[in-house]
Amino acid sequence: MSINLVISEICCNFKELIYKQLQTKIAMITEDKVTEIFCMADDFCKFFDAMTAKYTLKPTGKRKYHRNSTMSKAEVMLIMILFHDSGYRCFKHFYLEKVCKQLRHLFPKVVSYNRLVELERDVVIPLTLFIKKVLLGKCTGISFVDSTPLRVCKNQRIHIHKVFKGIAQRGKCSMGWFFGFKLHLICNEKGELLNFMITPGDVDDRKPLEYKAFIDFIHGKLFGDKGYISKNLFQRLFVDGIQLITKLKSNMKGCLMSVSDRLLLRKRAIIETVNDELKNIAQVEHSRHRCFDNFIVNLLGAIAAYCLFPKKPCINNVKRTMDTQLALF
């Protein structure tokens, strides 16, 4: 009888824990938050449409029949962001159960699920610019860079995979070989994303740092792992006002490093936590994609949802020291 009582008590405690977790997930999506995100997205989409209509060329031939969708671009962007912030694993279940039923008063003009999947392709560029111009954080002089693999299928199914054939590539990371893409991220000590880039899986981790657009707003110290060790890359970034700091390999000579840099190099795990939240909470990686366009929209929605998280991993009590090495630049 005592064993049965213990088991029943454990089950009750487990149910209470699950209920609290569900309540916290539901509390993450409040109506005020939904309204706030929609206002931000709607204002940006109106500005984007105005600039597009002003600077794009008008067709000279016969105009084809085109009817505007009843659901706006801001609503589609909002649904993608809310999905990655809701805890749901299936987007179809989230749309049919959460949006069409529980949030119907916030989305009066809902469309069918198949139509929504078609509308996702129209918000790729607006959602990308919305993240780049509105949601990304600002560089504070202390940044961390890292890459994480995005697997599109298991290694056993590479030879029969067709969705990303010719686009995804085989690559190798610390966890072994994979087939898919790489997501390169730069964040500050507050956990805010500063920039991101998507490349095939066979691209070297140091390659994105060679592009000016990827490090345009980065300055100060940039911390990375041993995969970013390169003398030429260090010199190139140093000219641009960025000091690349990495750990040393076992066969390398020792170099002078300040105590503050050593301590911050140990805190590089903050960007690993960002990758973990993107994969486990925002669901940036799964193998259920059926086209490349929706894969990109899913990825952008996850990044936008992370940027809007109320709590992010951060480093407390960061002591900033004046470094005169980059004063000439």
Protein backbone atom coordinates (compact mmCIF):
# COMPACT_ATOMS: atom_id res chain seq x y z
CA MET A 1 0.00 0.00 0.00
CA SER A 2 2.87 2.39 0.78
CA ILE A 3 4.37 1.87 -2.70
CA ASN A 4 1.02 2.64 -4.31
CA LEU A 5 0.68 5.81 -2.26
CA VAL A 6 4.16 6.94 -3.26
CA ILE A 7 3.42 6.26 -6.94
CA SER A 8 0.11 8.13 -6.76
CA GLU A 9 1.79 11.08 -5.04
CA ILE A 10 4.50 11.18 -7.72
CA CYS A 11 1.84 11.12 -10.44
CA CYS A 12 -0.04 13.98 -8.79
CA ASN A 13 3.11 16.06 -8.47
CA PHE A 14 3.99 15.31 -12.09
CA LYS A 15 0.53 16.41 -13.26
CA GLU A 16 0.83 19.63 -11.28
CA LEU A 17 4.25 20.28 -12.84
CA ILE A 18 2.91 19.69 -16.36
CA TYR A 19 -0.08 21.94 -15.64
CA LYS A 20 2.20 24.75 -14.44
CA GLN A 21 4.37 24.41 -17.53
CA LEU A 22 1.31 24.58 -19.78
CA GLN A 23 0.05 27.62 -17.91
CA THR A 24 3.38 29.39 -18.37
CA LYS A 25 3.36 28.56 -22.10
CA ILE A 26 -0.18 29.84 -22.47
CA ALA A 27 0.69 32.95 -20.48
CA MET A 28 3.49 33.73 -22.92
CA ILE A 29 0.88 34.60 -25.58
CA THR A 30 -1.37 37.29 -24.15
CA GLU A 31 -3.75 39.44 -26.17
CA ASP A 32 -1.79 42.57 -25.33
CA LYS A 33 1.38 40.98 -26.65
CA VAL A 34 -0.39 39.82 -29.81
CA THR A 35 -1.72 43.32 -30.40
CA GLU A 36 1.69 44.88 -29.80
CA ILE A 37 3.46 42.57 -32.25
CA PHE A 38 0.73 43.09 -34.85
CA CYS A 39 1.02 46.88 -34.63
CA MET A 40 4.78 46.68 -35.14
CA ALA A 41 4.43 44.29 -38.10
CA ASP A 42 1.52 46.20 -39.66
CA ASP A 43 3.32 49.56 -39.52
CA PHE A 44 6.40 48.02 -41.11
CA CYS A 45 4.38 46.26 -43.84
CA LYS A 46 2.59 49.51 -44.75
CA PHE A 47 5.93 51.29 -45.08
CA PHE A 48 7.35 48.35 -47.06
CA ASP A 49 4.40 48.30 -49.47
CA ALA A 50 4.63 52.06 -49.98
CA MET A 51 8.35 51.90 -50.80
CA THR A 52 7.81 48.88 -53.06
CA ALA A 53 5.05 50.62 -55.02
CA LYS A 54 7.20 53.74 -55.34
CA TYR A 55 10.40 52.18 -56.66
CA THR A 56 9.27 49.07 -58.56
CA LEU A 57 8.58 49.08 -62.29
CA LYS A 58 4.97 48.70 -63.37
CA PRO A 59 4.11 45.94 -65.87
CA THR A 60 3.66 47.15 -69.44
CA GLY A 61 1.72 44.16 -70.77
CA LYS A 62 -1.84 43.11 -70.17
CA ARG A 63 -2.57 42.91 -66.46
CA LYS A 64 -3.50 39.50 -65.19
CA TYR A 65 -6.40 39.04 -62.81
CA HIS A 66 -5.16 39.16 -59.24
CA ARG A 67 -7.33 39.38 -56.14
CA ASN A 68 -5.84 40.60 -52.90
CA SER A 69 -5.89 38.18 -50.00
CA THR A 70 -8.32 38.71 -47.15
CA MET A 71 -5.49 38.09 -44.67
CA SER A 72 -2.81 40.78 -44.63
CA LYS A 73 0.95 40.21 -44.61
CA ALA A 74 1.18 41.45 -41.04
CA GLU A 75 -1.29 38.79 -39.90
CA VAL A 76 0.67 36.03 -41.65
CA MET A 77 3.90 37.25 -40.06
CA LEU A 78 2.18 37.43 -36.67
CA ILE A 79 0.89 33.85 -36.97
CA MET A 80 4.38 32.57 -37.81
CA ILE A 81 5.87 34.39 -34.81
CA LEU A 82 3.15 33.21 -32.42
CA PHE A 83 3.59 29.60 -33.50
CA HIS A 84 7.25 29.57 -32.45
CA ASP A 85 6.35 31.23 -29.15
CA SER A 86 3.42 28.94 -28.28
CA GLY A 87 4.99 25.55 -27.54
CA TYR A 88 3.02 23.75 -30.28
CA ARG A 89 4.93 21.18 -32.33
CA CYS A 90 2.61 21.04 -35.35
CA PHE A 91 1.90 24.25 -37.27
CA LYS A 92 -1.34 22.91 -38.77
CA HIS A 93 -2.70 21.98 -35.35
CA PHE A 94 -1.69 25.39 -34.00
CA TYR A 95 -3.46 27.25 -36.80
CA LEU A 96 -6.66 25.21 -36.79
CA GLU A 97 -7.03 24.94 -33.01
CA LYS A 98 -5.36 28.03 -31.58
CA VAL A 99 -5.79 30.70 -34.24
CA CYS A 100 -9.09 29.69 -35.89
CA LYS A 101 -10.85 28.91 -32.59
CA GLN A 102 -9.24 30.50 -29.53
CA LEU A 103 -7.86 33.62 -31.26
CA ARG A 104 -10.66 34.04 -33.80
CA HIS A 105 -11.64 37.42 -32.35
CA LEU A 106 -8.13 38.68 -33.13
CA PHE A 107 -8.07 37.18 -36.64
CA PRO A 108 -11.59 37.79 -38.05
CA LYS A 109 -10.67 37.03 -41.68
CA VAL A 110 -9.00 33.65 -41.43
CA VAL A 111 -8.28 31.56 -44.51
CA SER A 112 -7.89 27.85 -45.02
CA TYR A 113 -4.69 26.14 -43.98
CA ASN A 114 -3.67 25.42 -47.59
CA ARG A 115 -4.17 29.06 -48.50
CA LEU A 116 -2.08 30.16 -45.49
CA VAL A 117 0.79 27.95 -46.65
CA GLU A 118 0.63 29.70 -50.03
CA LEU A 119 0.62 33.15 -48.39
CA GLU A 120 3.76 32.33 -46.40
CA ARG A 121 5.88 32.72 -49.54
CA ASP A 122 4.80 36.35 -49.94
CA VAL A 123 6.17 37.40 -46.53
CA VAL A 124 9.76 36.12 -46.93
CA ILE A 125 11.23 39.52 -47.85
CA PRO A 126 9.05 41.63 -45.48
CA LEU A 127 9.77 39.29 -42.56
CA THR A 128 13.51 39.32 -43.28
CA LEU A 129 13.63 43.12 -43.37
CA PHE A 130 11.39 43.32 -40.29
CA ILE A 131 13.92 41.26 -38.34
CA LYS A 132 16.93 43.11 -39.73
CA LYS A 133 15.60 46.63 -39.20
CA VAL A 134 13.35 46.33 -36.14
CA LEU A 135 14.01 43.26 -33.99
CA LEU A 136 17.80 42.84 -33.93
CA GLY A 137 19.77 44.27 -31.01
CA LYS A 138 22.67 46.71 -30.96
CA CYS A 139 26.34 45.91 -30.57
CA THR A 140 27.77 46.78 -27.16
CA GLY A 141 31.43 46.07 -27.94
CA ILE A 142 31.26 42.46 -26.66
CA SER A 143 29.96 39.94 -29.19
CA PHE A 144 29.92 36.18 -29.62
CA VAL A 145 29.83 34.26 -32.90
CA ASP A 146 28.94 30.64 -33.54
CA SER A 147 27.23 28.35 -36.06
CA THR A 148 24.75 25.53 -35.56
CA PRO A 149 23.68 22.81 -38.01
CA LEU A 150 20.13 22.64 -39.35
CA ARG A 151 19.49 19.03 -40.34
CA VAL A 152 16.79 18.49 -42.95
CA CYS A 153 16.80 14.69 -42.74
CA LYS A 154 18.66 11.80 -41.16
CA ASN A 155 21.90 10.60 -42.67
CA GLN A 156 20.29 7.30 -43.66
CA ARG A 157 17.81 9.13 -45.90
CA ILE A 158 20.18 11.48 -47.72
CA HIS A 159 20.16 9.48 -50.98
CA ILE A 160 16.33 9.53 -51.19
CA HIS A 161 15.80 13.12 -50.01
CA LYS A 162 14.20 15.32 -52.71
CA VAL A 163 12.92 18.52 -51.07
CA PHE A 164 16.34 20.20 -50.71
CA LYS A 165 18.14 18.29 -53.44
CA GLY A 166 20.82 20.52 -54.96
CA ILE A 167 20.44 23.13 -52.18
CA ALA A 168 21.39 21.42 -48.92
CA GLN A 169 24.87 19.94 -48.58
CA ARG A 170 26.71 17.54 -46.33
CA GLY A 171 28.68 19.14 -43.55
CA LYS A 172 30.53 18.26 -40.39
CA CYS A 173 30.17 19.77 -36.94
CA SER A 174 31.25 18.82 -33.43
CA MET A 175 28.40 16.27 -33.30
CA GLY A 176 29.43 14.53 -36.54
CA TRP A 177 28.25 14.57 -40.14
CA PHE A 178 24.88 16.02 -41.15
CA PHE A 179 22.90 16.97 -44.25
CA GLY A 180 21.34 20.41 -44.37
CA PHE A 181 22.31 24.01 -43.68
CA LYS A 182 24.28 26.09 -41.20
CA LEU A 183 22.86 28.98 -39.21
CA HIS A 184 25.54 31.53 -38.32
CA LEU A 185 24.69 33.85 -35.42
CA ILE A 186 26.24 36.84 -33.67
CA CYS A 187 24.88 37.94 -30.29
CA ASN A 188 25.92 40.32 -27.52
CA GLU A 189 26.29 39.64 -23.79
CA LYS A 190 22.58 40.43 -23.28
CA GLY A 191 21.55 37.49 -25.49
CA GLU A 192 20.24 39.78 -28.25
CA LEU A 193 20.87 38.69 -31.82
CA LEU A 194 22.97 41.13 -33.83
CA ASN A 195 22.96 39.35 -37.19
CA PHE A 196 22.41 35.96 -38.79
CA MET A 197 23.24 34.16 -42.03
CA ILE A 198 22.14 30.87 -43.60
CA THR A 199 24.61 28.85 -45.67
CA PRO A 200 24.79 25.27 -46.99
CA GLY A 201 26.24 22.70 -44.64
CA ASP A 202 29.63 22.47 -46.38
CA VAL A 203 30.52 26.17 -45.88
CA ASP A 204 33.36 26.92 -43.46
CA ASP A 205 32.43 28.72 -40.24
CA ARG A 206 34.92 31.51 -40.99
CA LYS A 207 33.45 32.30 -44.42
CA PRO A 208 30.54 34.53 -43.25
CA LEU A 209 32.96 36.76 -41.32
CA GLU A 210 34.55 37.68 -44.65
CA TYR A 211 31.32 39.37 -45.83
CA LYS A 212 31.01 43.04 -44.98
CA ALA A 213 27.22 42.84 -44.60
CA PHE A 214 27.51 40.22 -41.85
CA ILE A 215 29.84 42.27 -39.62
CA ASP A 216 28.81 45.74 -40.69
CA PHE A 217 27.47 46.84 -37.30
CA ILE A 218 29.93 44.84 -35.17
CA HIS A 219 32.76 46.55 -33.31
CA GLY A 220 34.98 45.81 -30.34
CA LYS A 221 35.70 42.23 -29.29
CA LEU A 222 34.32 39.17 -31.02
CA PHE A 223 34.62 35.82 -29.21
CA GLY A 224 34.51 32.50 -31.05
CA ASP A 225 35.52 28.88 -30.70
CA LYS A 226 38.54 27.12 -32.21
CA GLY A 227 36.80 26.81 -35.57
CA TYR A 228 37.38 30.53 -36.18
CA ILE A 229 41.18 30.42 -35.81
CA SER A 230 42.74 32.10 -38.84
CA LYS A 231 45.62 34.55 -39.04
CA ASN A 232 44.36 36.20 -42.22
CA LEU A 233 40.84 36.53 -40.78
CA PHE A 234 42.20 38.06 -37.58
CA GLN A 235 44.17 40.68 -39.51
CA ARG A 236 41.23 41.49 -41.78
CA LEU A 237 38.83 41.96 -38.87
CA PHE A 238 41.41 43.96 -36.92
CA VAL A 239 41.58 46.50 -39.75
CA ASP A 240 37.78 46.83 -39.59
CA GLY A 241 37.90 47.55 -35.84
CA ILE A 242 37.05 44.04 -34.61
CA GLN A 243 39.33 42.02 -32.34
CA LEU A 244 38.75 38.29 -32.85
CA ILE A 245 39.45 36.30 -29.67
CA THR A 246 39.46 32.49 -29.71
CA LYS A 247 40.83 29.63 -27.68
CA LEU A 248 44.16 28.13 -28.67
CA LYS A 249 44.78 24.69 -30.05
CA SER A 250 47.17 22.31 -28.31
CA ASN A 251 49.86 22.72 -30.99
CA MET A 252 49.78 26.55 -30.98
CA LYS A 253 52.11 28.89 -29.17
CA GLY A 254 50.78 30.78 -26.21
CA CYS A 255 49.74 34.41 -26.55
CA LEU A 256 49.16 37.25 -24.11
CA MET A 257 45.52 37.69 -23.13
CA SER A 258 44.00 39.93 -20.49
CA VAL A 259 42.13 38.50 -17.53
CA SER A 260 38.85 40.06 -18.68
CA ASP A 261 39.18 38.44 -22.11
CA ARG A 262 39.85 35.05 -20.52
CA LEU A 263 36.77 35.38 -18.34
CA LEU A 264 34.57 36.45 -21.25
CA LEU A 265 35.93 33.61 -23.36
CA ARG A 266 34.66 31.21 -20.70
CA LYS A 267 31.23 32.83 -20.98
CA ARG A 268 31.01 31.99 -24.68
CA ALA A 269 28.44 29.34 -23.75
CA ILE A 270 25.80 32.09 -23.92
CA ILE A 271 25.53 31.69 -27.69
CA GLU A 272 25.26 27.92 -27.26
CA THR A 273 22.24 28.63 -25.05
CA VAL A 274 20.81 30.83 -27.79
CA ASN A 275 21.18 27.96 -30.28
CA ASP A 276 19.53 25.61 -27.81
CA GLU A 277 16.52 27.90 -27.34
CA LEU A 278 16.15 28.35 -31.09
CA LYS A 279 16.06 24.58 -31.60
CA ASN A 280 14.12 23.39 -28.56
CA ILE A 281 11.73 26.28 -27.91
CA ALA A 282 11.39 28.04 -31.27
CA GLN A 283 11.69 24.77 -33.26
CA VAL A 284 14.03 26.12 -35.89
CA GLU A 285 15.08 22.59 -36.86
CA HIS A 286 12.80 19.76 -37.99
CA SER A 287 12.52 17.42 -40.97
CA ARG A 288 8.88 18.01 -42.01
CA HIS A 289 9.46 20.70 -44.64
CA ARG A 290 7.98 20.18 -48.10
CA CYS A 291 9.46 23.18 -49.94
CA PHE A 292 12.39 25.55 -49.56
CA ASP A 293 10.26 28.72 -49.27
CA ASN A 294 8.37 27.51 -46.22
CA PHE A 295 11.64 26.34 -44.68
CA ILE A 296 12.95 29.90 -44.89
CA VAL A 297 9.72 31.35 -43.47
CA ASN A 298 9.81 28.85 -40.59
CA LEU A 299 13.41 29.81 -39.86
CA LEU A 300 12.69 33.53 -39.98
CA GLY A 301 9.63 33.11 -37.77
CA ALA A 302 11.73 31.28 -35.17
CA ILE A 303 14.38 34.02 -35.18
CA ALA A 304 11.71 36.73 -34.88
CA ALA A 305 10.04 34.87 -32.01
CA TYR A 306 13.36 34.59 -30.17
CA CYS A 307 14.02 38.32 -30.60
CA LEU A 308 10.66 38.96 -28.89
CA PHE A 309 11.29 36.61 -25.95
CA PRO A 310 10.87 38.53 -22.67
CA LYS A 311 13.81 36.67 -21.09
CA LYS A 312 17.04 35.82 -22.89
CA PRO A 313 20.29 34.26 -21.66
CA CYS A 314 22.66 37.00 -20.52
CA ILE A 315 25.95 37.56 -18.70
CA ASN A 316 25.65 39.46 -15.46
CA ASN A 317 28.22 41.83 -13.96
CA VAL A 318 30.22 42.42 -17.13
CA LYS A 319 33.22 44.63 -16.37
CA ARG A 320 34.17 46.73 -19.38
CA THR A 321 37.81 47.68 -19.76
CA MET A 322 39.21 50.25 -22.16
CA ASP A 323 41.37 48.55 -24.79
CA THR A 324 43.65 50.88 -26.77
CA GLN A 325 44.61 48.28 -29.37
CA LEU A 326 41.81 49.40 -31.73
CA ALA A 327 42.13 53.11 -31.00
CA LEU A 328 43.90 53.81 -34.30
CA PHE A 329 40.98 52.42 -36.30
